[in-house]
C-alpha atoms as a PDB file:
ATOM      1  CA  MET A   1     -51.538 -17.084 101.359  1.00  0.00           C
ATOM      2  CA  ASN A   2     -51.681 -13.783 103.383  1.00  0.00           C
ATOM      3  CA  LYS A   3     -52.369 -11.855 100.235  1.00  0.00           C
ATOM      4  CA  ARG A   4     -55.324 -14.169  99.515  1.00  0.00           C
ATOM      5  CA  ILE A   5     -56.609 -13.634 102.949  1.00  0.00           C
ATOM      6  CA  ASP A   6     -56.403  -9.723 102.766  1.00  0.00           C
ATOM      7  CA  SER A   7     -58.180  -9.903  99.559  1.00  0.00           C
ATOM      8  CA  PHE A   8     -60.947 -12.117 100.831  1.00  0.00           C
ATOM      9  CA  THR A   9     -61.238  -9.921 104.239  1.00  0.00           C
ATOM     10  CA  HIS A  10     -61.465  -6.868 101.673  1.00  0.00           C
ATOM     11  CA  ILE A  11     -64.283  -8.287  99.799  1.00  0.00           C
ATOM     12  CA  LEU A  12     -66.108  -9.129 103.359  1.00  0.00           C
ATOM     13  CA  ILE A  13     -65.556  -5.826 104.667  1.00  0.00           C
ATOM     14  CA  ASN A  14     -66.789  -3.983 101.439  1.00  0.00           C
ATOM     15  CA  ALA A  15     -69.787  -6.285 101.463  1.00  0.00           C
ATOM     16  CA  TRP A  16     -70.610  -5.672 105.150  1.00  0.00           C
ATOM     17  CA  PHE A  17     -70.281  -1.922 104.633  1.00  0.00           C
ATOM     18  CA  LEU A  18     -72.671  -2.031 101.510  1.00  0.00           C
ATOM     19  CA  VAL A  19     -75.266  -3.840 103.702  1.00  0.00           C
ATOM     20  CA  LEU A  20     -74.881  -1.413 106.546  1.00  0.00           C
ATOM     21  CA  MET A  21     -75.089   1.527 104.130  1.00  0.00           C
ATOM     22  CA  LYS A  22     -78.075   0.318 102.543  1.00  0.00           C
ATOM     23  CA  ASP A  23     -79.907  -0.209 105.821  1.00  0.00           C
ATOM     24  CA  LEU A  24     -78.878   3.216 106.916  1.00  0.00           C
ATOM     25  CA  LEU A  25     -80.167   5.026 103.798  1.00  0.00           C
ATOM     26  CA  ILE A  26     -83.530   3.017 104.107  1.00  0.00           C
ATOM     27  CA  GLN A  27     -84.039   4.004 107.817  1.00  0.00           C
ATOM     28  CA  THR A  28     -83.094   7.498 107.005  1.00  0.00           C
ATOM     29  CA  ALA A  29     -85.484   7.703 104.085  1.00  0.00           C
ATOM     30  CA  LYS A  30     -88.275   6.173 106.399  1.00  0.00           C
ATOM     31  CA  ARG A  31     -87.229   8.909 109.095  1.00  0.00           C
ATOM     32  CA  THR A  32     -87.243  11.875 106.930  1.00  0.00           C
ATOM     33  CA  GLY A  33     -89.367  11.154 103.863  1.00  0.00           C
ATOM     34  CA  LEU A  34     -86.445  12.639 101.709  1.00  0.00           C
ATOM     35  CA  VAL A  35     -87.237   9.844  99.197  1.00  0.00           C
ATOM     36  CA  ASP A  36     -89.979   7.088  98.988  1.00  0.00           C
ATOM     37  CA  ALA A  37     -88.530   4.434 101.157  1.00  0.00           C
ATOM     38  CA  GLU A  38     -90.457   1.546  99.421  1.00  0.00           C
ATOM     39  CA  LYS A  39     -88.945   2.716  96.057  1.00  0.00           C
ATOM     40  CA  LEU A  40     -85.535   2.911  97.603  1.00  0.00           C
ATOM     41  CA  VAL A  41     -85.963  -0.577  98.865  1.00  0.00           C
ATOM     42  CA  LYS A  42     -87.177  -1.818  95.578  1.00  0.00           C
ATOM     43  CA  PHE A  43     -84.491  -0.193  93.725  1.00  0.00           C
ATOM     44  CA  LEU A  44     -81.680  -1.736  96.057  1.00  0.00           C
ATOM     45  CA  GLU A  45     -83.261  -5.136  95.933  1.00  0.00           C
ATOM     46  CA  ASP A  46     -83.744  -5.078  92.280  1.00  0.00           C
ATOM     47  CA  ASN A  47     -80.479  -3.662  91.176  1.00  0.00           C
ATOM     48  CA  LYS A  48     -77.689  -6.179  90.675  1.00  0.00           C
ATOM     49  CA  GLU A  49     -75.019  -3.920  89.329  1.00  0.00           C
ATOM     50  CA  VAL A  50     -71.621  -3.847  90.737  1.00  0.00           C
ATOM     51  CA  GLY A  51     -70.379  -0.431  91.698  1.00  0.00           C
ATOM     52  CA  ARG A  52     -70.313   2.478  94.279  1.00  0.00           C
ATOM     53  CA  LEU A  53     -73.678   2.911  96.145  1.00  0.00           C
ATOM     54  CA  ASP A  54     -73.722   6.607  95.608  1.00  0.00           C
ATOM     55  CA  GLU A  55     -73.198   6.378  91.938  1.00  0.00           C
ATOM     56  CA  LEU A  56     -75.866   3.577  91.650  1.00  0.00           C
ATOM     57  CA  LEU A  57     -78.434   5.791  93.193  1.00  0.00           C
ATOM     58  CA  LEU A  58     -77.407   8.990  91.339  1.00  0.00           C
ATOM     59  CA  GLY A  59     -78.037   7.059  88.080  1.00  0.00           C
ATOM     60  CA  CYS A  60     -81.487   5.887  89.478  1.00  0.00           C
ATOM     61  CA  SER A  61     -84.529   7.299  87.643  1.00  0.00           C
ATOM     62  CA  TYR A  62     -86.773   7.201  90.733  1.00  0.00           C
ATOM     63  CA  PHE A  63     -85.042   9.789  92.502  1.00  0.00           C
ATOM     64  CA  THR A  64     -83.591  13.254  91.706  1.00  0.00           C
ATOM     65  CA  GLU A  65     -79.614  13.959  92.300  1.00  0.00           C
ATOM     66  CA  GLU A  66     -80.668  16.632  95.147  1.00  0.00           C
ATOM     67  CA  ALA A  67     -82.986  13.912  96.772  1.00  0.00           C
ATOM     68  CA  ILE A  68     -79.881  11.395  96.997  1.00  0.00           C
ATOM     69  CA  LEU A  69     -77.451  13.761  98.140  1.00  0.00           C
ATOM     70  CA  LYS A  70     -79.800  15.104 100.759  1.00  0.00           C
ATOM     71  CA  LEU A  71     -80.346  11.356 101.872  1.00  0.00           C
ATOM     72  CA  PHE A  72     -76.645  10.935 102.216  1.00  0.00           C
ATOM     73  CA  ALA A  73     -76.314  13.977 104.052  1.00  0.00           C
ATOM     74  CA  ALA A  74     -78.972  13.344 106.521  1.00  0.00           C
ATOM     75  CA  ALA A  75     -77.960   9.494 106.936  1.00  0.00           C
ATOM     76  CA  LEU A  76     -74.237  10.605 107.775  1.00  0.00           C
ATOM     77  CA  GLY A  77     -75.243  13.839 110.016  1.00  0.00           C
ATOM     78  CA  TRP A  78     -73.962  16.267 107.449  1.00  0.00           C
ATOM     79  CA  GLU A  79     -75.288  19.513 106.282  1.00  0.00           C
ATOM     80  CA  PHE A  80     -76.649  19.526 102.922  1.00  0.00           C
ATOM     81  CA  LEU A  81     -75.389  22.525 100.749  1.00  0.00           C
ATOM     82  CA  PRO A  82     -77.066  22.960  97.468  1.00  0.00           C
ATOM     83  CA  GLU A  83     -74.152  24.883  96.384  1.00  0.00           C
ATOM     84  CA  ILE A  84     -70.670  25.006  97.697  1.00  0.00           C
ATOM     85  CA  PRO A  85     -69.846  28.617  98.294  1.00  0.00           C
ATOM     86  CA  PRO A  86     -66.468  29.883  96.739  1.00  0.00           C
ATOM     87  CA  LYS A  87     -63.548  30.628  98.962  1.00  0.00           C
ATOM     88  CA  ALA A  88     -63.214  34.213  99.776  1.00  0.00           C
END
């Protein structure tokens, strides 16, 4: 029974996190203009694929890879680095 509850809890947490992350990305798009927020909303509403949100968005034809990476960076408060410099 505990294993079943743990699995269900895990599913709920993942679903909750996905909803929060989608909302955060939409709000960030509206605030920053890094991607068209309306297109982002449409893609997220229309897309019924199961998978990681970052992978789904990186595969979306509406946006460039760089735009999606910048959006995630802005949403999470991270600095976007177009290229990671090699260690000296």
